[in-house]
Amino acid sequence: MAKVTRDDVARVAGTSTAVVSYVINNGPRPVAPATRERVLAAIKELGYRPDRVAQAMASRRTDLIGLVVPDARQPFFAEMAHAVERAAAERGKMVLVGNSDYLDEREVHYLRAFLGMRVSGLILISAGPSEHAATEIDAWDARVVLMHRRPEAIDDVAVVLDDVGGAQLATRHLLEHGHAYVACLGGTETTPKHGDPVTDHVEGWARAMKEAGKSVEGRLFQSPFNRYDTYRIALDLLSGPDRPTALFCATDDQAIGVLRAARELGIDVPGELAVAGFDDVKEAALTDPPLTTVGSDREGMAKAAVDLVLDDSLRIPGGRNGGVPAAAAGGHAQVGKGRVRQFPSGLVVRRSCGCRPA
């Protein structure tokens, strides 16, 4: 059986092959609705399947977006990756996901692999792109959008959350319950000191404590971001003589580990220990008790990142990635000449803080 070509589709639809191409690729020129319907009907009738490999070779770009995350096993990154995948599908793209495991060499490995596949763009959730990663990006002249982490370089394009403000909201809320102070579970010694969301969460906690006239001395504790290691650390913290009555965790996964440790030790939450987290992963609503946390428009952030990594119209020549006009990108805040879109964060009140939401 002869292979169906675009010429065949154009003949049946009564159009040119160029119009067929515009319909298949959603551009670059618009197609009248009636004409589009004729082309789609012809594609269905003939069973035409575009040769994506040939298209990629011709355009030197694929219908792929690369996404590098620290650890897709963690609920926050899993949910963010899913949101990016949905947003990409709406733009006719597929997503390749790689886990860096917070290691520079693995991050560079995936950058090199994805960029070598000629992805349409790359979204990077990183603890901070290393010098080697930056060199790799420059070498490929790639379109890269940072996500979740505030950039340090003025030429970076990023989609971020108001992490400091969100942590302040959660800490203030716990203090309003009358606690003498709020302890904090932050990151580890290897957590970057600037630009990292967890570092910003700790900063927001510290600001809220100082605003309330509370000392932070000796009240910040280190913990990895996952629930399993946090569970073991929380067992020691909550077994000590100076056990806090309120605890703000830099991530929901940490908070889930704390809740497990408290239950094992027979500590009532929130009666004896109030807990708040950050991220509002779906599981937070199902913990016992349900977790008070800080949430965000994850779907909106994912859509913004995909739009930025694909849309040349949002870019101005200059710098590694060029610039993004804040108005065109729909940004809530301008950072680095409008290259960063910052989304607001909000408190999601549940029972773990001591409230009983209606």
Protein backbone atom coordinates (compact mmCIF):
# COMPACT_ATOMS: atom_id res chain seq x y z
CA MET A 1 0.00 0.00 0.00
CA ALA A 2 1.49 3.33 -1.07
CA LYS A 3 2.45 5.77 1.67
CA VAL A 4 0.07 8.69 2.05
CA THR A 5 1.78 12.05 1.53
CA ARG A 6 0.93 15.67 2.11
CA ASP A 7 0.32 15.99 -1.61
CA ASP A 8 -2.44 13.38 -1.24
CA VAL A 9 -4.00 15.28 1.66
CA ALA A 10 -3.83 18.56 -0.27
CA ARG A 11 -5.47 16.96 -3.34
CA VAL A 12 -8.39 15.52 -1.33
CA ALA A 13 -8.84 18.74 0.70
CA GLY A 14 -8.55 20.96 -2.36
CA THR A 15 -5.72 23.04 -0.88
CA SER A 16 -2.00 23.52 -1.31
CA THR A 17 0.59 21.42 0.54
CA ALA A 18 1.63 24.61 2.33
CA VAL A 19 -1.85 24.94 3.85
CA VAL A 20 -1.71 21.28 4.95
CA SER A 21 1.61 22.06 6.64
CA TYR A 22 0.11 25.08 8.42
CA VAL A 23 -2.72 22.92 9.78
CA ILE A 24 -0.40 20.12 10.94
CA ASN A 25 2.07 22.50 12.59
CA ASN A 26 -0.47 25.04 13.88
CA GLY A 27 1.24 27.74 11.85
CA PRO A 28 3.20 29.77 11.08
CA ARG A 29 0.29 31.23 9.05
CA PRO A 30 -3.38 31.12 10.07
CA VAL A 31 -5.84 28.88 8.23
CA ALA A 32 -9.54 29.64 7.82
CA PRO A 33 -11.71 27.38 10.02
CA ALA A 34 -13.57 25.84 7.05
CA THR A 35 -10.29 25.07 5.28
CA ARG A 36 -8.81 23.60 8.43
CA GLU A 37 -11.81 21.30 8.79
CA ARG A 38 -11.38 20.08 5.18
CA VAL A 39 -7.71 19.34 5.78
CA LEU A 40 -8.40 17.49 9.05
CA ALA A 41 -11.16 15.48 7.36
CA ALA A 42 -8.76 14.52 4.55
CA ILE A 43 -6.09 13.51 7.05
CA LYS A 44 -8.60 11.26 8.82
CA GLU A 45 -9.97 9.80 5.57
CA LEU A 46 -6.52 8.97 4.19
CA GLY A 47 -4.96 7.93 7.50
CA TYR A 48 -2.09 10.36 7.01
CA ARG A 49 0.66 10.33 9.65
CA PRO A 50 3.23 13.17 9.57
CA ASP A 51 6.86 12.09 9.41
CA ARG A 52 8.10 13.78 12.56
CA VAL A 53 11.70 12.69 12.00
CA ALA A 54 11.78 14.34 8.58
CA GLN A 55 10.15 17.46 10.00
CA ALA A 56 12.77 17.65 12.74
CA MET A 57 15.62 17.23 10.28
CA ALA A 58 14.23 19.99 8.08
CA SER A 59 13.56 22.46 10.87
CA ARG A 60 16.45 21.38 13.14
CA ARG A 61 13.87 21.31 15.96
CA THR A 62 11.62 18.56 17.32
CA ASP A 63 8.21 18.67 18.97
CA LEU A 64 9.95 17.92 22.26
CA ILE A 65 10.53 19.99 25.38
CA GLY A 66 13.21 18.87 27.80
CA LEU A 67 12.43 19.10 31.52
CA VAL A 68 15.12 18.51 34.15
CA VAL A 69 13.92 18.10 37.74
CA PRO A 70 15.88 17.32 40.92
CA ASP A 71 13.81 14.26 41.92
CA ALA A 72 10.50 13.26 40.30
CA ARG A 73 9.80 10.92 43.23
CA GLN A 74 9.08 13.94 45.40
CA PRO A 75 5.40 14.89 45.10
CA PHE A 76 6.02 18.57 44.32
CA PHE A 77 8.27 17.84 41.36
CA ALA A 78 6.03 15.02 40.15
CA GLU A 79 3.00 17.32 40.15
CA MET A 80 4.96 20.13 38.51
CA ALA A 81 6.22 17.78 35.78
CA HIS A 82 2.66 16.61 35.14
CA ALA A 83 1.47 20.22 34.88
CA VAL A 84 4.26 21.01 32.40
CA GLU A 85 3.33 17.96 30.35
CA ARG A 86 -0.31 19.08 30.14
CA ALA A 87 0.69 22.62 29.19
CA ALA A 88 3.06 21.31 26.53
CA ALA A 89 0.39 19.02 25.08
CA GLU A 90 -1.84 22.05 24.58
CA ARG A 91 0.94 23.48 22.41
CA GLY A 92 1.37 20.22 20.46
CA LYS A 93 4.60 19.29 22.25
CA MET A 94 5.79 16.28 24.22
CA VAL A 95 8.03 16.37 27.29
CA LEU A 96 11.20 14.45 28.05
CA VAL A 97 11.94 14.29 31.79
CA GLY A 98 15.32 13.73 33.42
CA ASN A 99 16.17 13.54 37.14
CA SER A 100 19.34 15.33 38.20
CA ASP A 101 19.24 13.95 41.77
CA TYR A 102 20.60 17.38 42.80
CA LEU A 103 23.93 16.46 41.15
CA ASP A 104 25.65 18.87 38.75
CA GLU A 105 27.07 16.09 36.58
CA ARG A 106 23.65 14.48 36.06
CA GLU A 107 22.13 17.87 35.27
CA VAL A 108 24.78 18.44 32.61
CA HIS A 109 24.21 14.89 31.30
CA TYR A 110 20.53 15.58 30.66
CA LEU A 111 21.16 19.04 29.28
CA ARG A 112 23.62 17.62 26.77
CA ALA A 113 21.31 14.72 25.87
CA PHE A 114 18.16 16.81 25.46
CA LEU A 115 19.84 19.63 23.59
CA GLY A 116 21.51 17.08 21.32
CA MET A 117 18.02 15.84 20.44
CA ARG A 118 17.21 19.35 19.21
CA VAL A 119 14.39 19.92 21.67
CA SER A 120 12.23 22.98 20.99
CA GLY A 121 13.25 24.32 24.38
CA LEU A 122 14.31 23.26 27.83
CA ILE A 123 12.80 23.92 31.27
CA LEU A 124 15.28 23.57 34.09
CA ILE A 125 14.35 23.08 37.75
CA SER A 126 17.77 23.29 39.31
CA ALA A 127 19.53 23.89 42.58
CA GLY A 128 21.42 26.46 40.53
CA PRO A 129 22.87 25.79 37.07
CA SER A 130 26.55 24.98 37.43
CA GLU A 131 29.28 26.59 35.37
CA HIS A 132 29.39 23.44 33.24
CA ALA A 133 25.61 23.58 32.71
CA ALA A 134 25.78 27.25 31.67
CA THR A 135 28.57 26.42 29.22
CA GLU A 136 26.51 23.60 27.73
CA ILE A 137 23.50 25.88 27.27
CA ASP A 138 25.61 28.58 25.62
CA ALA A 139 27.24 26.05 23.29
CA TRP A 140 23.88 24.95 21.90
CA ASP A 141 22.35 28.45 21.82
CA ALA A 142 19.35 26.85 23.53
CA ARG A 143 16.12 28.39 24.73
CA VAL A 144 16.09 27.66 28.45
CA VAL A 145 13.64 28.74 31.14
CA LEU A 146 14.45 28.33 34.81
CA MET A 147 11.53 27.25 36.94
CA HIS A 148 10.94 27.25 40.69
CA ARG A 149 14.32 28.87 41.43
CA ARG A 150 15.16 32.57 41.33
CA PRO A 151 17.93 33.25 38.81
CA GLU A 152 21.09 35.08 39.71
CA ALA A 153 22.09 36.11 36.19
CA ILE A 154 20.23 39.04 34.66
CA ASP A 155 19.95 37.18 31.33
CA ASP A 156 18.03 34.24 32.79
CA VAL A 157 14.34 33.77 32.02
CA ALA A 158 12.43 32.24 34.91
CA VAL A 159 9.03 31.39 36.36
CA VAL A 160 9.05 31.50 40.16
CA LEU A 161 6.84 31.73 43.23
CA ASP A 162 6.82 34.32 46.01
CA ASP A 163 8.59 31.88 48.34
CA VAL A 164 9.61 34.41 50.98
CA GLY A 165 6.13 35.89 51.23
CA GLY A 166 4.49 32.47 51.42
CA ALA A 167 6.72 31.34 54.27
CA GLN A 168 5.97 34.57 56.13
CA LEU A 169 2.24 33.89 55.81
CA ALA A 170 2.56 30.39 57.25
CA THR A 171 4.82 31.46 60.12
CA ARG A 172 2.65 34.43 61.06
CA HIS A 173 -0.39 32.16 61.07
CA LEU A 174 1.26 29.73 63.49
CA LEU A 175 2.33 32.60 65.75
CA GLU A 176 -1.24 33.91 65.78
CA HIS A 177 -2.23 30.69 67.52
CA GLY A 178 -0.30 31.93 70.56
CA HIS A 179 2.90 29.90 70.35
CA ALA A 180 5.96 31.31 72.10
CA TYR A 181 7.94 30.73 68.92
CA VAL A 182 7.89 28.70 65.71
CA ALA A 183 10.75 26.35 64.93
CA CYS A 184 11.76 25.72 61.30
CA LEU A 185 12.91 22.68 59.35
CA GLY A 186 15.03 24.07 56.52
CA GLY A 187 17.44 22.46 54.10
CA THR A 188 20.90 21.02 54.59
CA GLU A 189 24.44 22.39 54.50
CA THR A 190 24.52 21.81 50.74
CA THR A 191 21.39 23.87 50.06
CA PRO A 192 22.40 26.93 47.97
CA LYS A 193 22.55 30.14 49.97
CA HIS A 194 20.94 32.29 47.28
CA GLY A 195 18.01 31.82 44.93
CA ASP A 196 16.93 28.41 46.20
CA PRO A 197 13.23 28.14 47.19
CA VAL A 198 14.00 26.39 50.49
CA THR A 199 16.49 29.12 51.37
CA ASP A 200 13.74 31.65 50.65
CA HIS A 201 11.31 29.71 52.84
CA VAL A 202 13.77 29.92 55.70
CA GLU A 203 14.20 33.64 55.01
CA GLY A 204 10.43 34.15 55.14
CA TRP A 205 10.22 32.25 58.43
CA ALA A 206 13.04 34.35 59.91
CA ARG A 207 11.41 37.61 58.80
CA ALA A 208 8.08 36.68 60.38
CA MET A 209 9.78 35.67 63.60
CA LYS A 210 11.73 38.93 63.80
CA GLU A 211 8.61 40.96 63.01
CA ALA A 212 6.98 39.31 66.02
CA GLY A 213 10.00 40.04 68.23
CA LYS A 214 10.98 36.36 68.41
CA SER A 215 14.53 35.08 68.33
CA VAL A 216 15.51 32.56 65.66
CA GLU A 217 18.62 31.48 67.56
CA GLY A 218 18.72 27.71 67.91
CA ARG A 219 15.31 27.30 66.29
CA LEU A 220 16.36 26.39 62.74
CA PHE A 221 17.00 22.71 62.11
CA GLN A 222 18.53 21.04 59.07
CA SER A 223 16.77 18.31 57.16
CA PRO A 224 16.78 16.81 53.66
CA PHE A 225 13.70 17.59 51.60
CA ASN A 226 12.19 14.09 51.63
CA ARG A 227 9.81 12.64 54.23
CA TYR A 228 11.88 9.57 54.98
CA ASP A 229 15.02 11.32 56.26
CA THR A 230 12.88 14.03 57.88
CA TYR A 231 10.93 11.37 59.78
CA ARG A 232 14.13 10.15 61.46
CA ILE A 233 15.28 13.70 62.23
CA ALA A 234 11.84 14.57 63.63
CA LEU A 235 11.95 11.57 65.97
CA ASP A 236 15.04 13.07 67.62
CA LEU A 237 13.75 16.65 67.55
CA LEU A 238 10.38 15.79 69.06
CA SER A 239 11.84 13.46 71.66
CA GLY A 240 14.04 16.18 73.18
CA PRO A 241 13.32 18.17 76.33
CA ASP A 242 12.90 21.46 74.43
CA ARG A 243 10.34 20.19 71.95
CA PRO A 244 8.75 23.07 70.00
CA THR A 245 5.00 23.55 70.05
CA ALA A 246 4.91 24.84 66.48
CA LEU A 247 6.97 23.84 63.46
CA PHE A 248 7.16 25.33 59.97
CA CYS A 249 8.56 22.91 57.38
CA ALA A 250 10.16 24.21 54.19
CA THR A 251 8.41 21.50 52.14
CA ASP A 252 5.24 19.44 52.48
CA ASP A 253 7.26 16.25 52.16
CA GLN A 254 9.19 17.24 55.28
CA ALA A 255 5.93 18.04 57.06
CA ILE A 256 4.53 14.62 56.18
CA GLY A 257 7.61 13.03 57.77
CA VAL A 258 7.06 15.16 60.89
CA LEU A 259 3.41 14.09 61.15
CA ARG A 260 4.44 10.44 61.00
CA ALA A 261 7.07 10.93 63.72
CA ALA A 262 4.62 12.80 65.95
CA ARG A 263 2.04 10.04 65.64
CA GLU A 264 4.64 7.39 66.50
CA LEU A 265 5.70 9.36 69.59
CA GLY A 266 2.11 9.87 70.71
CA ILE A 267 2.27 13.66 70.22
CA ASP A 268 -1.10 15.17 69.37
CA VAL A 269 -1.20 17.37 66.29
CA PRO A 270 -2.28 20.15 66.58
CA GLY A 271 -2.99 19.92 70.34
CA GLU A 272 0.67 19.57 71.36
CA LEU A 273 2.38 20.41 68.08
CA ALA A 274 1.15 22.70 65.30
CA VAL A 275 2.63 21.96 61.86
CA ALA A 276 2.64 23.87 58.56
CA GLY A 277 4.33 23.02 55.29
CA PHE A 278 4.97 24.55 51.88
CA ASP A 279 3.94 23.41 48.35
CA ASP A 280 0.33 22.19 48.81
CA VAL A 281 0.93 18.82 47.19
CA LYS A 282 -2.28 16.83 46.70
CA GLU A 283 -1.37 14.47 49.55
CA ALA A 284 -1.40 17.38 52.01
CA ALA A 285 -5.20 17.30 52.08
CA LEU A 286 -5.17 13.60 52.99
CA THR A 287 -2.69 13.54 55.88
CA ASP A 288 -3.92 13.01 59.45
CA PRO A 289 -4.62 15.72 60.36
CA PRO A 290 -4.85 17.51 56.99
CA LEU A 291 -1.83 19.75 56.52
CA THR A 292 -1.89 23.53 56.58
CA THR A 293 0.46 24.66 53.85
CA VAL A 294 1.36 27.31 51.27
CA GLY A 295 -0.07 26.83 47.78
CA SER A 296 0.37 28.32 44.34
CA ASP A 297 -1.07 28.27 40.83
CA ARG A 298 1.00 25.32 39.65
CA GLU A 299 -0.92 25.01 36.37
CA GLY A 300 -0.40 28.69 35.65
CA MET A 301 3.31 28.44 36.37
CA ALA A 302 3.66 25.44 34.07
CA LYS A 303 1.80 27.19 31.26
CA ALA A 304 3.94 30.31 31.68
CA ALA A 305 7.14 28.24 31.51
CA VAL A 306 6.02 26.41 28.36
CA ASP A 307 4.90 29.66 26.72
CA LEU A 308 8.21 31.32 27.50
CA VAL A 309 10.31 28.44 26.26
CA LEU A 310 8.40 28.22 22.96
CA ASP A 311 7.38 31.75 22.04
CA ASP A 312 10.02 33.73 20.17
CA SER A 313 7.65 36.71 20.24
CA LEU A 314 8.26 36.98 23.97
CA ARG A 315 12.00 37.40 23.47
CA ILE A 316 14.22 40.37 22.72
CA PRO A 317 17.71 39.70 21.31
CA GLY A 318 20.50 40.08 23.84
CA GLY A 319 21.92 37.86 26.53
CA ARG A 320 21.86 34.09 26.64
CA ASN A 321 18.07 33.82 26.46
CA GLY A 322 17.18 37.36 25.49
CA GLY A 323 14.57 39.32 27.39
CA VAL A 324 10.92 38.79 28.13
CA PRO A 325 8.68 41.86 28.22
CA ALA A 326 6.76 41.65 31.50
CA ALA A 327 3.51 42.79 29.92
CA ALA A 328 3.70 40.22 27.14
CA ALA A 329 4.58 37.43 29.57
CA GLY A 330 1.80 38.44 31.93
CA GLY A 331 4.28 38.79 34.77
CA HIS A 332 3.21 39.73 38.27
CA ALA A 333 6.61 41.22 39.05
CA GLN A 334 9.58 42.52 37.13
CA VAL A 335 12.97 41.19 38.09
CA GLY A 336 16.02 41.58 35.88
CA LYS A 337 14.32 43.84 33.32
CA GLY A 338 11.12 41.79 33.29
CA ARG A 339 12.73 38.42 32.59
CA VAL A 340 11.21 36.78 35.67
CA ARG A 341 7.54 36.05 36.13
CA GLN A 342 6.72 35.72 39.81
CA PHE A 343 3.47 34.09 40.90
CA PRO A 344 1.82 34.88 44.26
CA SER A 345 1.58 32.30 47.03
CA GLY A 346 -1.33 31.80 49.41
CA LEU A 347 -2.03 30.09 52.71
CA VAL A 348 -4.13 26.91 52.57
CA VAL A 349 -5.57 26.44 56.07
CA ARG A 350 -6.36 22.94 57.29
CA ARG A 351 -6.33 21.31 60.73
CA SER A 352 -2.61 20.69 61.43
CA CYS A 353 -2.11 24.32 62.55
CA GLY A 354 -4.95 24.23 65.10
CA CYS A 355 -7.69 25.71 62.92
CA ARG A 356 -10.89 23.93 62.08
CA PRO A 357 -11.80 25.18 58.60
CA ALA A 358 -15.48 25.13 57.66
